Amino acid sequence: MLNVDNKVVAITGASSGIGEATARLLSQNGAKVVLGARRTEKLGKIVDEIRDQGNTAEFRAVDVTNREDVKAFIHFAKDKFGRVDVVFNNAGVMPLSRMNALKVEEWDNMINVNIHGVLNGIAAGLPIMEAQGGGQFINTASIAAHMVGPTSAVYSATKYAVWAISNGLRQESKNIRVTLISPGVVETELGSDITDDASKGFLQELRKTALMPDAIARAVLYAIAQPEDVDVNEIIVRPTASAF
């Protein structure tokens, strides 16, 4: 597709779900994808399959809560391909629970992964993009960035933060595109870390009308494929049958 071929795209949270689907789709359209996550065995398998199709992919372990680790991941992409055109800050966690459950360690983890993970990706990629005269950040938020419900207070707060960070970065940037992707309910591993039984049941009910990850991958492809003077700032993708 237009404006995708040969672009270097670094993707966090790429070992499953939206990150994996996006890596596969972008590589099929000519992008050079660099996959990052903690589960290197899964990354290696995905990269092997991408290469078997004649496309270009690399991988490196990354913990998005560690600033130096993210910097090393982004610079790995630059060292491999000479530039970084897109950083897709996609890693996230969603251990939903009511506030009075006081799962404070889970709150901290959501803040570290969902907010600091995005900031670390920006801190690593922004100097590179400014030096090369352009680039694009794509940040995964959620419909929870636009609404709050029981069990989602802290999760929504982290995704509101991703919305604010993305909007502020966009306003500060003249040559760098910034896109916020807000998925509705998607069939992924997100939420597998829920320890609150009531919240597990709520998510299972929502997922009766869930999208598949490739629906979000197509939205990412669309945002990247636009001409450089077109910045798609925000995309919300919901299942047609979903009220949320």
C-alpha atoms as a PDB file:
ATOM      1  CA  MET A   1       0.000   0.000   0.000  1.00  0.00           C
ATOM      2  CA  LEU A   2       0.932   3.639  -0.426  1.00  0.00           C
ATOM      3  CA  ASN A   3       3.623   4.871   1.954  1.00  0.00           C
ATOM      4  CA  VAL A   4       4.198   1.547   3.736  1.00  0.00           C
ATOM      5  CA  ASP A   5       6.803  -0.194   1.579  1.00  0.00           C
ATOM      6  CA  ASN A   6      10.262  -0.312   3.214  1.00  0.00           C
ATOM      7  CA  LYS A   7       9.161   1.596   6.306  1.00  0.00           C
ATOM      8  CA  VAL A   8      10.851   0.425   9.499  1.00  0.00           C
ATOM      9  CA  VAL A   9       8.229  -0.245  12.158  1.00  0.00           C
ATOM     10  CA  ALA A  10       9.095  -1.156  15.769  1.00  0.00           C
ATOM     11  CA  ILE A  11       6.224  -2.833  17.634  1.00  0.00           C
ATOM     12  CA  THR A  12       5.956  -3.546  21.349  1.00  0.00           C
ATOM     13  CA  GLY A  13       3.590  -6.164  22.704  1.00  0.00           C
ATOM     14  CA  ALA A  14       4.252  -8.067  19.491  1.00  0.00           C
ATOM     15  CA  SER A  15       4.207 -11.661  20.751  1.00  0.00           C
ATOM     16  CA  SER A  16       0.419 -12.028  20.411  1.00  0.00           C
ATOM     17  CA  GLY A  17      -2.838 -10.248  19.697  1.00  0.00           C
ATOM     18  CA  ILE A  18      -2.854  -6.840  18.058  1.00  0.00           C
ATOM     19  CA  GLY A  19       0.941  -6.532  17.962  1.00  0.00           C
ATOM     20  CA  GLU A  20       1.411  -9.880  16.242  1.00  0.00           C
ATOM     21  CA  ALA A  21      -1.407  -9.270  13.752  1.00  0.00           C
ATOM     22  CA  THR A  22      -0.009  -5.838  12.918  1.00  0.00           C
ATOM     23  CA  ALA A  23       3.510  -7.166  12.385  1.00  0.00           C
ATOM     24  CA  ARG A  24       2.214  -9.796   9.993  1.00  0.00           C
ATOM     25  CA  LEU A  25       0.011  -7.397   8.018  1.00  0.00           C
ATOM     26  CA  LEU A  26       2.602  -4.621   7.731  1.00  0.00           C
ATOM     27  CA  SER A  27       5.297  -7.045   6.619  1.00  0.00           C
ATOM     28  CA  GLN A  28       2.943  -8.373   3.923  1.00  0.00           C
ATOM     29  CA  ASN A  29       2.667  -4.803   2.666  1.00  0.00           C
ATOM     30  CA  GLY A  30       6.416  -4.274   2.448  1.00  0.00           C
ATOM     31  CA  ALA A  31       7.307  -2.867   5.864  1.00  0.00           C
ATOM     32  CA  LYS A  32      10.400  -3.986   7.754  1.00  0.00           C
ATOM     33  CA  VAL A  33       9.035  -4.938  11.153  1.00  0.00           C
ATOM     34  CA  VAL A  34      10.914  -5.236  14.432  1.00  0.00           C
ATOM     35  CA  LEU A  35       9.001  -7.139  17.077  1.00  0.00           C
ATOM     36  CA  GLY A  36       9.482  -6.601  20.798  1.00  0.00           C
ATOM     37  CA  ALA A  37       8.052  -8.347  23.863  1.00  0.00           C
ATOM     38  CA  ARG A  38       9.250 -10.351  26.848  1.00  0.00           C
ATOM     39  CA  ARG A  39       8.399 -13.761  25.350  1.00  0.00           C
ATOM     40  CA  THR A  40      11.235 -14.261  22.907  1.00  0.00           C
ATOM     41  CA  GLU A  41      10.281 -17.830  22.020  1.00  0.00           C
ATOM     42  CA  LYS A  42       6.962 -16.618  20.614  1.00  0.00           C
ATOM     43  CA  LEU A  43       8.649 -13.670  18.890  1.00  0.00           C
ATOM     44  CA  GLY A  44      11.131 -15.978  17.211  1.00  0.00           C
ATOM     45  CA  LYS A  45       8.362 -18.201  15.875  1.00  0.00           C
ATOM     46  CA  ILE A  46       6.427 -15.243  14.459  1.00  0.00           C
ATOM     47  CA  VAL A  47       9.536 -13.764  12.836  1.00  0.00           C
ATOM     48  CA  ASP A  48      10.428 -17.121  11.274  1.00  0.00           C
ATOM     49  CA  GLU A  49       6.947 -17.349   9.757  1.00  0.00           C
ATOM     50  CA  ILE A  50       7.159 -13.787   8.411  1.00  0.00           C
ATOM     51  CA  ARG A  51      10.522 -14.535   6.824  1.00  0.00           C
ATOM     52  CA  ASP A  52       9.210 -17.785   5.345  1.00  0.00           C
ATOM     53  CA  GLN A  53       6.718 -15.639   3.417  1.00  0.00           C
ATOM     54  CA  GLY A  54       9.602 -13.658   1.942  1.00  0.00           C
ATOM     55  CA  ASN A  55       9.135 -10.628   4.169  1.00  0.00           C
ATOM     56  CA  THR A  56      11.491  -8.785   6.518  1.00  0.00           C
ATOM     57  CA  ALA A  57      11.379  -9.047  10.303  1.00  0.00           C
ATOM     58  CA  GLU A  58      13.646  -8.965  13.359  1.00  0.00           C
ATOM     59  CA  PHE A  59      12.949  -9.342  17.058  1.00  0.00           C
ATOM     60  CA  ARG A  60      14.434  -8.410  20.403  1.00  0.00           C
ATOM     61  CA  ALA A  61      13.295  -8.930  23.979  1.00  0.00           C
ATOM     62  CA  VAL A  62      11.975  -5.778  25.621  1.00  0.00           C
ATOM     63  CA  ASP A  63      10.391  -4.855  28.939  1.00  0.00           C
ATOM     64  CA  VAL A  64       8.505  -1.641  28.231  1.00  0.00           C
ATOM     65  CA  THR A  65       8.633  -0.575  31.889  1.00  0.00           C
ATOM     66  CA  ASN A  66      12.422  -0.330  31.660  1.00  0.00           C
ATOM     67  CA  ARG A  67      13.512   2.886  29.928  1.00  0.00           C
ATOM     68  CA  GLU A  68      16.961   1.638  28.976  1.00  0.00           C
ATOM     69  CA  ASP A  69      15.526  -1.624  27.679  1.00  0.00           C
ATOM     70  CA  VAL A  70      13.128   0.237  25.392  1.00  0.00           C
ATOM     71  CA  LYS A  71      15.910   2.511  24.209  1.00  0.00           C
ATOM     72  CA  ALA A  72      18.015  -0.544  23.346  1.00  0.00           C
ATOM     73  CA  PHE A  73      15.072  -2.054  21.450  1.00  0.00           C
ATOM     74  CA  ILE A  74      14.453   1.051  19.345  1.00  0.00           C
ATOM     75  CA  HIS A  75      18.154   1.506  18.649  1.00  0.00           C
ATOM     76  CA  PHE A  76      18.336  -2.168  17.660  1.00  0.00           C
ATOM     77  CA  ALA A  77      15.771  -1.385  14.952  1.00  0.00           C
ATOM     78  CA  LYS A  78      17.762   1.643  13.814  1.00  0.00           C
ATOM     79  CA  ASP A  79      21.039  -0.299  13.759  1.00  0.00           C
ATOM     80  CA  LYS A  80      19.444  -3.059  11.685  1.00  0.00           C
ATOM     81  CA  PHE A  81      17.768  -0.864   9.081  1.00  0.00           C
ATOM     82  CA  GLY A  82      19.312   2.608   9.344  1.00  0.00           C
ATOM     83  CA  ARG A  83      16.212   4.463  10.524  1.00  0.00           C
ATOM     84  CA  VAL A  84      12.973   4.102  12.485  1.00  0.00           C
ATOM     85  CA  ASP A  85       9.867   5.302  10.687  1.00  0.00           C
ATOM     86  CA  VAL A  86       7.172   4.131  13.109  1.00  0.00           C
ATOM     87  CA  VAL A  87       7.105   3.223  16.791  1.00  0.00           C
ATOM     88  CA  PHE A  88       3.930   1.327  17.688  1.00  0.00           C
ATOM     89  CA  ASN A  89       3.574   1.552  21.478  1.00  0.00           C
ATOM     90  CA  ASN A  90       1.181  -1.332  21.806  1.00  0.00           C
ATOM     91  CA  ALA A  91       2.077  -3.254  24.982  1.00  0.00           C
ATOM     92  CA  GLY A  92      -0.595  -3.092  27.667  1.00  0.00           C
ATOM     93  CA  VAL A  93      -2.214  -4.867  30.604  1.00  0.00           C
ATOM     94  CA  MET A  94      -5.811  -4.817  31.886  1.00  0.00           C
ATOM     95  CA  PRO A  95      -6.367  -6.456  35.293  1.00  0.00           C
ATOM     96  CA  LEU A  96      -9.839  -5.034  35.872  1.00  0.00           C
ATOM     97  CA  SER A  97     -11.274  -4.856  39.385  1.00  0.00           C
ATOM     98  CA  ARG A  98     -13.440  -2.653  41.570  1.00  0.00           C
ATOM     99  CA  MET A  99     -11.598  -0.024  43.547  1.00  0.00           C
ATOM    100  CA  ASN A 100     -12.586  -1.515  46.908  1.00  0.00           C
ATOM    101  CA  ALA A 101     -10.780  -4.721  46.006  1.00  0.00           C
ATOM    102  CA  LEU A 102      -7.633  -2.664  46.691  1.00  0.00           C
ATOM    103  CA  LYS A 103      -5.458  -4.490  44.175  1.00  0.00           C
ATOM    104  CA  VAL A 104      -2.845  -1.801  44.506  1.00  0.00           C
ATOM    105  CA  GLU A 105      -0.013  -3.847  42.997  1.00  0.00           C
ATOM    106  CA  GLU A 106      -2.135  -4.324  39.880  1.00  0.00           C
ATOM    107  CA  TRP A 107      -2.787  -0.573  39.772  1.00  0.00           C
ATOM    108  CA  ASP A 108       0.946   0.050  39.882  1.00  0.00           C
ATOM    109  CA  ASN A 109       1.573  -2.470  37.114  1.00  0.00           C
ATOM    110  CA  MET A 110      -1.032  -0.866  34.850  1.00  0.00           C
ATOM    111  CA  ILE A 111       0.544   2.530  35.389  1.00  0.00           C
ATOM    112  CA  ASN A 112       4.017   1.162  34.679  1.00  0.00           C
ATOM    113  CA  VAL A 113       3.105  -0.765  31.517  1.00  0.00           C
ATOM    114  CA  ASN A 114       0.321   1.371  30.040  1.00  0.00           C
ATOM    115  CA  ILE A 115       1.720   4.838  30.783  1.00  0.00           C
ATOM    116  CA  HIS A 116       5.448   4.511  31.394  1.00  0.00           C
ATOM    117  CA  GLY A 117       5.675   1.991  28.545  1.00  0.00           C
ATOM    118  CA  VAL A 118       4.333   4.575  26.096  1.00  0.00           C
ATOM    119  CA  LEU A 119       6.533   7.343  27.509  1.00  0.00           C
ATOM    120  CA  ASN A 120       9.585   5.103  27.270  1.00  0.00           C
ATOM    121  CA  GLY A 121       8.800   4.371  23.627  1.00  0.00           C
ATOM    122  CA  ILE A 122       8.476   8.070  22.891  1.00  0.00           C
ATOM    123  CA  ALA A 123      11.678   8.905  24.761  1.00  0.00           C
ATOM    124  CA  ALA A 124      13.559   6.290  22.753  1.00  0.00           C
ATOM    125  CA  GLY A 125      12.118   7.112  19.339  1.00  0.00           C
ATOM    126  CA  LEU A 126      11.657  10.871  19.397  1.00  0.00           C
ATOM    127  CA  PRO A 127      15.342  11.897  19.113  1.00  0.00           C
ATOM    128  CA  ILE A 128      15.800   9.490  16.205  1.00  0.00           C
ATOM    129  CA  MET A 129      12.753  10.811  14.363  1.00  0.00           C
ATOM    130  CA  GLU A 130      13.679  14.431  14.962  1.00  0.00           C
ATOM    131  CA  ALA A 131      17.185  13.782  13.630  1.00  0.00           C
ATOM    132  CA  GLN A 132      15.929  12.047  10.489  1.00  0.00           C
ATOM    133  CA  GLY A 133      13.258  14.707   9.868  1.00  0.00           C
ATOM    134  CA  GLY A 134      10.124  12.673  10.417  1.00  0.00           C
ATOM    135  CA  GLY A 135       8.414   9.598  11.745  1.00  0.00           C
ATOM    136  CA  GLN A 136       5.238   8.379  13.377  1.00  0.00           C
ATOM    137  CA  PHE A 137       4.134   7.216  16.799  1.00  0.00           C
ATOM    138  CA  ILE A 138       1.109   4.965  17.056  1.00  0.00           C
ATOM    139  CA  ASN A 139      -0.142   4.441  20.602  1.00  0.00           C
ATOM    140  CA  THR A 140      -2.695   1.851  21.621  1.00  0.00           C
ATOM    141  CA  ALA A 141      -5.330   3.299  23.920  1.00  0.00           C
ATOM    142  CA  SER A 142      -8.807   1.776  24.262  1.00  0.00           C
ATOM    143  CA  ILE A 143     -12.456   2.694  24.239  1.00  0.00           C
ATOM    144  CA  ALA A 144     -11.695   2.943  27.970  1.00  0.00           C
ATOM    145  CA  ALA A 145      -9.901   6.195  27.109  1.00  0.00           C
ATOM    146  CA  HIS A 146     -13.332   7.593  26.255  1.00  0.00           C
ATOM    147  CA  MET A 147     -15.491   6.075  28.978  1.00  0.00           C
ATOM    148  CA  VAL A 148     -15.293   4.759  32.525  1.00  0.00           C
ATOM    149  CA  GLY A 149     -17.257   1.907  34.037  1.00  0.00           C
ATOM    150  CA  PRO A 150     -17.230  -0.223  37.164  1.00  0.00           C
ATOM    151  CA  THR A 151     -13.944  -2.200  37.386  1.00  0.00           C
ATOM    152  CA  SER A 152     -12.210   0.024  34.797  1.00  0.00           C
ATOM    153  CA  ALA A 153     -11.355   3.130  36.833  1.00  0.00           C
ATOM    154  CA  VAL A 154      -7.588   2.654  36.952  1.00  0.00           C
ATOM    155  CA  TYR A 155      -7.368   1.057  33.514  1.00  0.00           C
ATOM    156  CA  SER A 156      -9.381   3.923  32.025  1.00  0.00           C
ATOM    157  CA  ALA A 157      -7.134   6.411  33.819  1.00  0.00           C
ATOM    158  CA  THR A 158      -4.066   4.895  32.174  1.00  0.00           C
ATOM    159  CA  LYS A 159      -5.695   5.035  28.759  1.00  0.00           C
ATOM    160  CA  TYR A 160      -6.877   8.612  29.292  1.00  0.00           C
ATOM    161  CA  ALA A 161      -3.215   9.357  29.976  1.00  0.00           C
ATOM    162  CA  VAL A 162      -2.195   7.739  26.682  1.00  0.00           C
ATOM    163  CA  TRP A 163      -4.789   9.934  24.929  1.00  0.00           C
ATOM    164  CA  ALA A 164      -3.388  13.084  26.609  1.00  0.00           C
ATOM    165  CA  ILE A 165       0.243  12.164  25.917  1.00  0.00           C
ATOM    166  CA  SER A 166      -0.534  11.468  22.262  1.00  0.00           C
ATOM    167  CA  ASN A 167      -2.460  14.693  21.818  1.00  0.00           C
ATOM    168  CA  GLY A 168       0.264  16.765  23.461  1.00  0.00           C
ATOM    169  CA  LEU A 169       3.002  15.143  21.387  1.00  0.00           C
ATOM    170  CA  ARG A 170       1.011  15.808  18.218  1.00  0.00           C
ATOM    171  CA  GLN A 171       0.705  19.495  19.028  1.00  0.00           C
ATOM    172  CA  GLU A 172       4.416  19.813  19.708  1.00  0.00           C
ATOM    173  CA  SER A 173       5.516  18.030  16.531  1.00  0.00           C
ATOM    174  CA  LYS A 174       5.805  19.586  13.080  1.00  0.00           C
ATOM    175  CA  ASN A 175       7.226  16.626  11.156  1.00  0.00           C
ATOM    176  CA  ILE A 176       6.163  13.690  13.319  1.00  0.00           C
ATOM    177  CA  ARG A 177       2.770  12.070  12.965  1.00  0.00           C
ATOM    178  CA  VAL A 178       0.924  10.807  16.053  1.00  0.00           C
ATOM    179  CA  THR A 179      -1.947   8.333  15.916  1.00  0.00           C
ATOM    180  CA  LEU A 180      -4.046   7.041  18.798  1.00  0.00           C
ATOM    181  CA  ILE A 181      -5.742   3.687  18.207  1.00  0.00           C
ATOM    182  CA  SER A 182      -8.685   2.993  20.533  1.00  0.00           C
ATOM    183  CA  PRO A 183      -9.904  -0.581  20.122  1.00  0.00           C
ATOM    184  CA  GLY A 184     -13.211  -1.821  21.417  1.00  0.00           C
ATOM    185  CA  VAL A 185     -13.433  -5.378  22.660  1.00  0.00           C
ATOM    186  CA  VAL A 186     -10.892  -7.565  20.860  1.00  0.00           C
ATOM    187  CA  GLU A 187     -10.197 -11.276  21.222  1.00  0.00           C
ATOM    188  CA  THR A 188      -6.658 -11.138  22.659  1.00  0.00           C
ATOM    189  CA  GLU A 189      -4.741 -12.145  25.775  1.00  0.00           C
ATOM    190  CA  LEU A 190      -5.517  -8.730  27.287  1.00  0.00           C
ATOM    191  CA  GLY A 191      -7.353  -9.349  30.525  1.00  0.00           C
ATOM    192  CA  SER A 192      -5.819 -12.777  31.092  1.00  0.00           C
ATOM    193  CA  ASP A 193      -4.199 -11.262  34.170  1.00  0.00           C
ATOM    194  CA  ILE A 194      -7.538 -10.415  35.809  1.00  0.00           C
ATOM    195  CA  THR A 195      -7.645 -11.896  39.312  1.00  0.00           C
ATOM    196  CA  ASP A 196     -11.094 -10.570  40.258  1.00  0.00           C
ATOM    197  CA  ASP A 197     -13.727 -13.216  39.470  1.00  0.00           C
ATOM    198  CA  ALA A 198     -16.572 -10.758  38.827  1.00  0.00           C
ATOM    199  CA  SER A 199     -14.429  -8.810  36.382  1.00  0.00           C
ATOM    200  CA  LYS A 200     -13.507 -12.005  34.545  1.00  0.00           C
ATOM    201  CA  GLY A 201     -17.182 -12.741  33.999  1.00  0.00           C
ATOM    202  CA  PHE A 202     -17.866  -9.206  32.777  1.00  0.00           C
ATOM    203  CA  LEU A 203     -15.073  -9.431  30.194  1.00  0.00           C
ATOM    204  CA  GLN A 204     -16.219 -12.863  29.016  1.00  0.00           C
ATOM    205  CA  GLU A 205     -19.681 -11.434  28.403  1.00  0.00           C
ATOM    206  CA  LEU A 206     -18.266  -8.496  26.415  1.00  0.00           C
ATOM    207  CA  ARG A 207     -16.141 -10.822  24.292  1.00  0.00           C
ATOM    208  CA  LYS A 208     -19.217 -12.523  22.877  1.00  0.00           C
ATOM    209  CA  THR A 209     -19.101  -9.764  20.242  1.00  0.00           C
ATOM    210  CA  ALA A 210     -15.319  -9.253  20.115  1.00  0.00           C
ATOM    211  CA  LEU A 211     -13.312  -8.236  17.074  1.00  0.00           C
ATOM    212  CA  MET A 212     -10.304 -10.235  15.938  1.00  0.00           C
ATOM    213  CA  PRO A 213      -6.859  -8.562  16.192  1.00  0.00           C
ATOM    214  CA  ASP A 214      -6.518  -8.164  12.435  1.00  0.00           C
ATOM    215  CA  ALA A 215      -9.307  -5.548  12.542  1.00  0.00           C
ATOM    216  CA  ILE A 216      -7.024  -3.303  14.572  1.00  0.00           C
ATOM    217  CA  ALA A 217      -4.020  -4.188  12.414  1.00  0.00           C
ATOM    218  CA  ARG A 218      -5.892  -2.850   9.385  1.00  0.00           C
ATOM    219  CA  ALA A 219      -6.482   0.434  11.212  1.00  0.00           C
ATOM    220  CA  VAL A 220      -2.754   0.708  11.928  1.00  0.00           C
ATOM    221  CA  LEU A 221      -1.971  -0.026   8.293  1.00  0.00           C
ATOM    222  CA  TYR A 222      -4.404   2.683   7.205  1.00  0.00           C
ATOM    223  CA  ALA A 223      -2.785   5.286   9.484  1.00  0.00           C
ATOM    224  CA  ILE A 224       0.731   4.485   8.282  1.00  0.00           C
ATOM    225  CA  ALA A 225      -0.282   4.303   4.619  1.00  0.00           C
ATOM    226  CA  GLN A 226      -1.378   7.941   4.397  1.00  0.00           C
ATOM    227  CA  PRO A 227       0.882  10.501   2.682  1.00  0.00           C
ATOM    228  CA  GLU A 228       3.371  12.165   5.011  1.00  0.00           C
ATOM    229  CA  ASP A 229       1.332  15.385   5.101  1.00  0.00           C
ATOM    230  CA  VAL A 230      -1.715  13.491   6.401  1.00  0.00           C
ATOM    231  CA  ASP A 231      -1.791  12.681  10.123  1.00  0.00           C
ATOM    232  CA  VAL A 232      -4.622  10.395  11.183  1.00  0.00           C
ATOM    233  CA  ASN A 233      -4.816  11.441  14.819  1.00  0.00           C
ATOM    234  CA  GLU A 234      -7.334   9.037  16.291  1.00  0.00           C
ATOM    235  CA  ILE A 235      -9.147   5.876  15.264  1.00  0.00           C
ATOM    236  CA  ILE A 236     -11.827   4.132  17.343  1.00  0.00           C
ATOM    237  CA  VAL A 237     -12.604   0.591  16.196  1.00  0.00           C
ATOM    238  CA  ARG A 238     -15.583  -1.169  17.777  1.00  0.00           C
ATOM    239  CA  PRO A 239     -17.509  -4.365  16.975  1.00  0.00           C
ATOM    240  CA  THR A 240     -20.669  -3.379  15.136  1.00  0.00           C
ATOM    241  CA  ALA A 241     -22.825  -5.210  17.686  1.00  0.00           C
ATOM    242  CA  SER A 242     -21.139  -3.712  20.743  1.00  0.00           C
ATOM    243  CA  ALA A 243     -22.715  -1.011  22.883  1.00  0.00           C
ATOM    244  CA  PHE A 244     -19.313  -0.194  24.437  1.00  0.00           C
END
